[in-house]
């Protein structure tokens, strides 16, 4: 009998800094999170609506819409 695959908690990482996202997503993955990355509010909303994350790390100060716009969603 095969062991059922373990479901990792999902994490949405939203930040306009690509280098920060790269480092942080690797660190979170090492801590057993299934990490999805968005670089702006529009990308984050699309990801969150298609597959709502259990957790999120959101940059509040990004060009364009603030990360605060994601909180109600």
PDB file of N, CA and C in Angstrom:
ATOM      1  N   UNK A   1       0.843  -1.171   0.000  1.00  0.00           N
ATOM      2  CA  UNK A   1       0.000   0.000   0.000  1.00  0.00           C
ATOM      3  C   UNK A   1       0.894   1.242   0.000  1.00  0.00           C
ATOM      4  N   UNK A   2       0.640   2.144  -0.913  1.00  0.00           N
ATOM      5  CA  UNK A   2       1.447   3.357  -0.994  1.00  0.00           C
ATOM      6  C   UNK A   2       1.018   4.352   0.075  1.00  0.00           C
ATOM      7  N   UNK A   3       2.032   5.044   0.604  1.00  0.00           N
ATOM      8  CA  UNK A   3       1.729   6.082   1.580  1.00  0.00           C
ATOM      9  C   UNK A   3       1.138   7.291   0.853  1.00  0.00           C
ATOM     10  N   UNK A   4       0.051   7.833   1.389  1.00  0.00           N
ATOM     11  CA  UNK A   4      -0.598   8.987   0.778  1.00  0.00           C
ATOM     12  C   UNK A   4       0.316  10.205   0.882  1.00  0.00           C
ATOM     13  N   UNK A   5       0.394  10.991  -0.184  1.00  0.00           N
ATOM     14  CA  UNK A   5       1.247  12.180  -0.203  1.00  0.00           C
ATOM     15  C   UNK A   5       0.767  13.180   0.846  1.00  0.00           C
ATOM     16  N   UNK A   6       1.704  13.753   1.547  1.00  0.00           N
ATOM     17  CA  UNK A   6       1.386  14.731   2.581  1.00  0.00           C
ATOM     18  C   UNK A   6       1.064  16.065   1.936  1.00  0.00           C
ATOM     19  N   UNK A   7      -0.020  16.676   2.355  1.00  0.00           N
ATOM     20  CA  UNK A   7      -0.442  17.973   1.844  1.00  0.00           C
ATOM     21  C   UNK A   7       0.279  19.073   2.620  1.00  0.00           C
ATOM     22  N   UNK A   8       1.056  19.898   1.924  1.00  0.00           N
ATOM     23  CA  UNK A   8       1.761  20.992   2.575  1.00  0.00           C
ATOM     24  C   UNK A   8       0.844  22.199   2.712  1.00  0.00           C
ATOM     25  N   UNK A   9       1.006  22.984   3.789  1.00  0.00           N
ATOM     26  CA  UNK A   9       0.209  24.207   3.907  1.00  0.00           C
ATOM     27  C   UNK A   9       0.605  25.189   2.804  1.00  0.00           C
ATOM     28  N   UNK A  10      -0.389  25.870   2.250  1.00  0.00           N
ATOM     29  CA  UNK A  10      -0.116  26.788   1.140  1.00  0.00           C
ATOM     30  C   UNK A  10       0.193  28.190   1.652  1.00  0.00           C
ATOM     31  N   UNK A  11       1.158  28.829   1.000  1.00  0.00           N
ATOM     32  CA  UNK A  11       1.608  30.170   1.364  1.00  0.00           C
ATOM     33  C   UNK A  11       1.639  31.024   0.111  1.00  0.00           C
ATOM     34  N   UNK A  12       1.010  32.189   0.175  1.00  0.00           N
ATOM     35  CA  UNK A  12       1.082  33.158  -0.912  1.00  0.00           C
ATOM     36  C   UNK A  12       2.045  34.253  -0.489  1.00  0.00           C
ATOM     37  N   UNK A  13       3.100  34.440  -1.261  1.00  0.00           N
ATOM     38  CA  UNK A  13       4.113  35.462  -1.008  1.00  0.00           C
ATOM     39  C   UNK A  13       3.938  36.559  -2.045  1.00  0.00           C
ATOM     40  N   UNK A  14       3.684  37.780  -1.576  1.00  0.00           N
ATOM     41  CA  UNK A  14       3.419  38.901  -2.479  1.00  0.00           C
ATOM     42  C   UNK A  14       4.412  40.016  -2.196  1.00  0.00           C
ATOM     43  N   UNK A  15       5.284  40.283  -3.163  1.00  0.00           N
ATOM     44  CA  UNK A  15       6.279  41.348  -3.027  1.00  0.00           C
ATOM     45  C   UNK A  15       6.787  41.720  -4.404  1.00  0.00           C
ATOM     46  N   UNK A  16       7.039  43.007  -4.625  1.00  0.00           N
ATOM     47  CA  UNK A  16       7.524  43.461  -5.928  1.00  0.00           C
ATOM     48  C   UNK A  16       9.024  43.238  -6.103  1.00  0.00           C
ATOM     49  N   UNK A  17       9.738  42.875  -5.053  1.00  0.00           N
ATOM     50  CA  UNK A  17      11.178  42.645  -5.106  1.00  0.00           C
ATOM     51  C   UNK A  17      11.442  41.173  -5.458  1.00  0.00           C
ATOM     52  N   UNK A  18      11.859  40.923  -6.678  1.00  0.00           N
ATOM     53  CA  UNK A  18      12.066  39.553  -7.161  1.00  0.00           C
ATOM     54  C   UNK A  18      13.139  38.814  -6.370  1.00  0.00           C
ATOM     55  N   UNK A  19      14.223  39.511  -5.987  1.00  0.00           N
ATOM     56  CA  UNK A  19      15.290  38.867  -5.212  1.00  0.00           C
ATOM     57  C   UNK A  19      14.784  38.433  -3.843  1.00  0.00           C
ATOM     58  N   UNK A  20      14.023  39.311  -3.181  1.00  0.00           N
ATOM     59  CA  UNK A  20      13.442  38.971  -1.887  1.00  0.00           C
ATOM     60  C   UNK A  20      12.527  37.759  -2.017  1.00  0.00           C
ATOM     61  N   UNK A  21      11.690  37.749  -3.043  1.00  0.00           N
ATOM     62  CA  UNK A  21      10.768  36.634  -3.255  1.00  0.00           C
ATOM     63  C   UNK A  21      11.518  35.319  -3.470  1.00  0.00           C
ATOM     64  N   UNK A  22      12.587  35.376  -4.204  1.00  0.00           N
ATOM     65  CA  UNK A  22      13.375  34.176  -4.466  1.00  0.00           C
ATOM     66  C   UNK A  22      13.949  33.603  -3.170  1.00  0.00           C
ATOM     67  N   UNK A  23      14.566  34.453  -2.368  1.00  0.00           N
ATOM     68  CA  UNK A  23      15.171  34.016  -1.108  1.00  0.00           C
ATOM     69  C   UNK A  23      14.096  33.534  -0.136  1.00  0.00           C
ATOM     70  N   UNK A  24      13.034  34.320   0.010  1.00  0.00           N
ATOM     71  CA  UNK A  24      11.988  33.987   0.971  1.00  0.00           C
ATOM     72  C   UNK A  24      11.229  32.729   0.566  1.00  0.00           C
ATOM     73  N   UNK A  25      10.959  32.557  -0.719  1.00  0.00           N
ATOM     74  CA  UNK A  25      10.219  31.367  -1.144  1.00  0.00           C
ATOM     75  C   UNK A  25      11.037  30.095  -0.897  1.00  0.00           C
ATOM     76  N   UNK A  26      12.351  30.161  -1.113  1.00  0.00           N
ATOM     77  CA  UNK A  26      13.200  29.000  -0.808  1.00  0.00           C
ATOM     78  C   UNK A  26      13.196  28.702   0.686  1.00  0.00           C
ATOM     79  N   UNK A  27      13.282  29.749   1.505  1.00  0.00           N
ATOM     80  CA  UNK A  27      13.285  29.560   2.961  1.00  0.00           C
ATOM     81  C   UNK A  27      11.961  28.960   3.435  1.00  0.00           C
ATOM     82  N   UNK A  28      10.862  29.435   2.896  1.00  0.00           N
ATOM     83  CA  UNK A  28       9.556  28.907   3.285  1.00  0.00           C
ATOM     84  C   UNK A  28       9.360  27.475   2.804  1.00  0.00           C
ATOM     85  N   UNK A  29       9.841  27.171   1.617  1.00  0.00           N
ATOM     86  CA  UNK A  29       9.738  25.806   1.093  1.00  0.00           C
ATOM     87  C   UNK A  29      10.534  24.836   1.969  1.00  0.00           C
ATOM     88  N   UNK A  30      11.684  25.270   2.464  1.00  0.00           N
ATOM     89  CA  UNK A  30      12.477  24.428   3.371  1.00  0.00           C
ATOM     90  C   UNK A  30      11.738  24.184   4.680  1.00  0.00           C
ATOM     91  N   UNK A  31      10.802  25.062   4.992  1.00  0.00           N
ATOM     92  CA  UNK A  31      10.002  24.902   6.211  1.00  0.00           C
ATOM     93  C   UNK A  31       8.651  24.252   5.910  1.00  0.00           C
ATOM     94  N   UNK A  32       8.614  23.549   4.788  1.00  0.00           N
ATOM     95  CA  UNK A  32       7.458  22.739   4.392  1.00  0.00           C
ATOM     96  C   UNK A  32       6.198  23.531   4.071  1.00  0.00           C
ATOM     97  N   UNK A  33       6.360  24.610   3.305  1.00  0.00           N
ATOM     98  CA  UNK A  33       5.221  25.329   2.756  1.00  0.00           C
ATOM     99  C   UNK A  33       5.204  25.150   1.246  1.00  0.00           C
ATOM    100  N   UNK A  34       4.014  25.077   0.688  1.00  0.00           N
ATOM    101  CA  UNK A  34       3.827  25.102  -0.758  1.00  0.00           C
ATOM    102  C   UNK A  34       3.674  26.574  -1.126  1.00  0.00           C
ATOM    103  N   UNK A  35       4.740  27.177  -1.643  1.00  0.00           N
ATOM    104  CA  UNK A  35       4.799  28.622  -1.841  1.00  0.00           C
ATOM    105  C   UNK A  35       4.425  29.004  -3.268  1.00  0.00           C
ATOM    106  N   UNK A  36       3.528  29.987  -3.377  1.00  0.00           N
ATOM    107  CA  UNK A  36       3.204  30.618  -4.655  1.00  0.00           C
ATOM    108  C   UNK A  36       3.582  32.080  -4.536  1.00  0.00           C
ATOM    109  N   UNK A  37       4.130  32.645  -5.607  1.00  0.00           N
ATOM    110  CA  UNK A  37       4.662  34.011  -5.575  1.00  0.00           C
ATOM    111  C   UNK A  37       3.915  34.899  -6.562  1.00  0.00           C
ATOM    112  N   UNK A  38       3.605  36.111  -6.099  1.00  0.00           N
ATOM    113  CA  UNK A  38       3.030  37.144  -6.961  1.00  0.00           C
ATOM    114  C   UNK A  38       3.837  38.419  -6.742  1.00  0.00           C
ATOM    115  N   UNK A  39       4.001  39.208  -7.817  1.00  0.00           N
ATOM    116  CA  UNK A  39       4.800  40.431  -7.720  1.00  0.00           C
ATOM    117  C   UNK A  39       3.961  41.703  -7.717  1.00  0.00           C
ATOM    118  N   UNK A  40       2.633  41.537  -7.743  1.00  0.00           N
ATOM    119  CA  UNK A  40       1.747  42.703  -7.637  1.00  0.00           C
ATOM    120  C   UNK A  40       0.375  42.225  -7.174  1.00  0.00           C
ATOM    121  N   UNK A  41      -0.492  43.178  -6.863  1.00  0.00           N
ATOM    122  CA  UNK A  41      -1.807  42.854  -6.325  1.00  0.00           C
ATOM    123  C   UNK A  41      -2.645  42.071  -7.333  1.00  0.00           C
ATOM    124  N   UNK A  42      -2.611  42.443  -8.597  1.00  0.00           N
ATOM    125  CA  UNK A  42      -3.410  41.747  -9.610  1.00  0.00           C
ATOM    126  C   UNK A  42      -3.031  40.267  -9.701  1.00  0.00           C
ATOM    127  N   UNK A  43      -1.732  39.971  -9.738  1.00  0.00           N
ATOM    128  CA  UNK A  43      -1.281  38.571  -9.780  1.00  0.00           C
ATOM    129  C   UNK A  43      -1.716  37.833  -8.520  1.00  0.00           C
ATOM    130  N   UNK A  44      -1.577  38.492  -7.381  1.00  0.00           N
ATOM    131  CA  UNK A  44      -1.936  37.866  -6.109  1.00  0.00           C
ATOM    132  C   UNK A  44      -3.424  37.540  -6.055  1.00  0.00           C
ATOM    133  N   UNK A  45      -4.255  38.471  -6.515  1.00  0.00           N
ATOM    134  CA  UNK A  45      -5.693  38.225  -6.519  1.00  0.00           C
ATOM    135  C   UNK A  45      -6.050  37.034  -7.399  1.00  0.00           C
ATOM    136  N   UNK A  46      -5.432  36.938  -8.557  1.00  0.00           N
ATOM    137  CA  UNK A  46      -5.694  35.811  -9.451  1.00  0.00           C
ATOM    138  C   UNK A  46      -5.313  34.488  -8.795  1.00  0.00           C
ATOM    139  N   UNK A  47      -4.122  34.444  -8.205  1.00  0.00           N
ATOM    140  CA  UNK A  47      -3.683  33.220  -7.538  1.00  0.00           C
ATOM    141  C   UNK A  47      -4.601  32.866  -6.370  1.00  0.00           C
ATOM    142  N   UNK A  48      -4.942  33.869  -5.565  1.00  0.00           N
ATOM    143  CA  UNK A  48      -5.762  33.620  -4.376  1.00  0.00           C
ATOM    144  C   UNK A  48      -7.183  33.195  -4.734  1.00  0.00           C
ATOM    145  N   UNK A  49      -7.723  33.752  -5.791  1.00  0.00           N
ATOM    146  CA  UNK A  49      -9.087  33.378  -6.190  1.00  0.00           C
ATOM    147  C   UNK A  49      -9.137  31.976  -6.792  1.00  0.00           C
ATOM    148  N   UNK A  50      -8.085  31.598  -7.512  1.00  0.00           N
ATOM    149  CA  UNK A  50      -8.038  30.265  -8.130  1.00  0.00           C
ATOM    150  C   UNK A  50      -7.776  29.166  -7.112  1.00  0.00           C
ATOM    151  N   UNK A  51      -6.983  29.474  -6.092  1.00  0.00           N
ATOM    152  CA  UNK A  51      -6.632  28.480  -5.076  1.00  0.00           C
ATOM    153  C   UNK A  51      -6.282  29.234  -3.793  1.00  0.00           C
ATOM    154  N   UNK A  52      -7.269  29.528  -2.951  1.00  0.00           N
ATOM    155  CA  UNK A  52      -7.026  30.345  -1.755  1.00  0.00           C
ATOM    156  C   UNK A  52      -5.931  29.757  -0.855  1.00  0.00           C
ATOM    157  N   UNK A  53      -4.966  30.590  -0.478  1.00  0.00           N
ATOM    158  CA  UNK A  53      -3.878  30.109   0.375  1.00  0.00           C
ATOM    159  C   UNK A  53      -4.312  30.023   1.836  1.00  0.00           C
ATOM    160  N   UNK A  54      -3.623  29.181   2.582  1.00  0.00           N
ATOM    161  CA  UNK A  54      -3.866  29.101   4.021  1.00  0.00           C
ATOM    162  C   UNK A  54      -3.172  30.250   4.748  1.00  0.00           C
ATOM    163  N   UNK A  55      -2.023  30.682   4.220  1.00  0.00           N
ATOM    164  CA  UNK A  55      -1.222  31.746   4.819  1.00  0.00           C
ATOM    165  C   UNK A  55      -0.764  32.709   3.723  1.00  0.00           C
ATOM    166  N   UNK A  56      -0.390  33.918   4.142  1.00  0.00           N
ATOM    167  CA  UNK A  56       0.128  34.898   3.177  1.00  0.00           C
ATOM    168  C   UNK A  56       1.134  35.814   3.850  1.00  0.00           C
ATOM    169  N   UNK A  57       2.152  36.173   3.084  1.00  0.00           N
ATOM    170  CA  UNK A  57       3.111  37.213   3.468  1.00  0.00           C
ATOM    171  C   UNK A  57       2.967  38.276   2.387  1.00  0.00           C
ATOM    172  N   UNK A  58       2.562  39.484   2.797  1.00  0.00           N
ATOM    173  CA  UNK A  58       2.199  40.521   1.830  1.00  0.00           C
ATOM    174  C   UNK A  58       2.978  41.798   2.083  1.00  0.00           C
ATOM    175  N   UNK A  59       3.652  42.291   1.051  1.00  0.00           N
ATOM    176  CA  UNK A  59       4.308  43.594   1.094  1.00  0.00           C
ATOM    177  C   UNK A  59       3.216  44.657   1.000  1.00  0.00           C
ATOM    178  N   UNK A  60       3.194  45.573   1.944  1.00  0.00           N
ATOM    179  CA  UNK A  60       2.156  46.608   1.940  1.00  0.00           C
ATOM    180  C   UNK A  60       2.528  47.805   1.079  1.00  0.00           C
ATOM    181  N   UNK A  61       3.813  47.979   0.794  1.00  0.00           N
ATOM    182  CA  UNK A  61       4.289  49.148   0.060  1.00  0.00           C
ATOM    183  C   UNK A  61       4.854  48.724  -1.298  1.00  0.00           C
ATOM    184  N   UNK A  62       3.960  48.578  -2.276  1.00  0.00           N
ATOM    185  CA  UNK A  62       4.371  48.188  -3.624  1.00  0.00           C
ATOM    186  C   UNK A  62       3.913  49.263  -4.603  1.00  0.00           C
ATOM    187  N   UNK A  63       4.567  49.358  -5.762  1.00  0.00           N
ATOM    188  CA  UNK A  63       4.079  50.280  -6.792  1.00  0.00           C
ATOM    189  C   UNK A  63       2.664  49.880  -7.209  1.00  0.00           C
ATOM    190  N   UNK A  64       1.842  50.853  -7.519  1.00  0.00           N
ATOM    191  CA  UNK A  64       0.450  50.550  -7.871  1.00  0.00           C
ATOM    192  C   UNK A  64      -0.358  50.344  -6.614  1.00  0.00           C
ATOM    193  N   UNK A  65      -1.247  49.373  -6.660  1.00  0.00           N
ATOM    194  CA  UNK A  65      -2.118  49.098  -5.517  1.00  0.00           C
ATOM    195  C   UNK A  65      -1.317  48.570  -4.331  1.00  0.00           C
ATOM    196  N   UNK A  66      -1.691  49.006  -3.143  1.00  0.00           N
ATOM    197  CA  UNK A  66      -1.043  48.556  -1.910  1.00  0.00           C
ATOM    198  C   UNK A  66      -1.440  47.122  -1.599  1.00  0.00           C
ATOM    199  N   UNK A  67      -0.564  46.416  -0.920  1.00  0.00           N
ATOM    200  CA  UNK A  67      -0.875  45.073  -0.470  1.00  0.00           C
ATOM    201  C   UNK A  67      -2.077  45.039   0.466  1.00  0.00           C
ATOM    202  N   UNK A  68      -2.403  46.172   1.061  1.00  0.00           N
ATOM    203  CA  UNK A  68      -3.588  46.249   1.926  1.00  0.00           C
ATOM    204  C   UNK A  68      -4.862  45.884   1.176  1.00  0.00           C
ATOM    205  N   UNK A  69      -4.873  46.103  -0.132  1.00  0.00           N
ATOM    206  CA  UNK A  69      -6.052  45.783  -0.941  1.00  0.00           C
ATOM    207  C   UNK A  69      -6.338  44.278  -0.947  1.00  0.00           C
ATOM    208  N   UNK A  70      -5.356  43.471  -0.612  1.00  0.00           N
ATOM    209  CA  UNK A  70      -5.534  42.013  -0.610  1.00  0.00           C
ATOM    210  C   UNK A  70      -6.208  41.498   0.656  1.00  0.00           C
ATOM    211  N   UNK A  71      -6.117  42.226   1.730  1.00  0.00           N
ATOM    212  CA  UNK A  71      -6.599  41.739   3.017  1.00  0.00           C
ATOM    213  C   UNK A  71      -8.076  41.354   2.983  1.00  0.00           C
ATOM    214  N   UNK A  72      -8.982  42.177   2.475  1.00  0.00           N
ATOM    215  CA  UNK A  72     -10.398  41.780   2.450  1.00  0.00           C
ATOM    216  C   UNK A  72     -10.661  40.540   1.586  1.00  0.00           C
ATOM    217  N   UNK A  73      -9.857  40.374   0.558  1.00  0.00           N
ATOM    218  CA  UNK A  73     -10.054  39.234  -0.346  1.00  0.00           C
ATOM    219  C   UNK A  73      -9.673  37.947   0.340  1.00  0.00           C
TER     220      UNK A  73
END
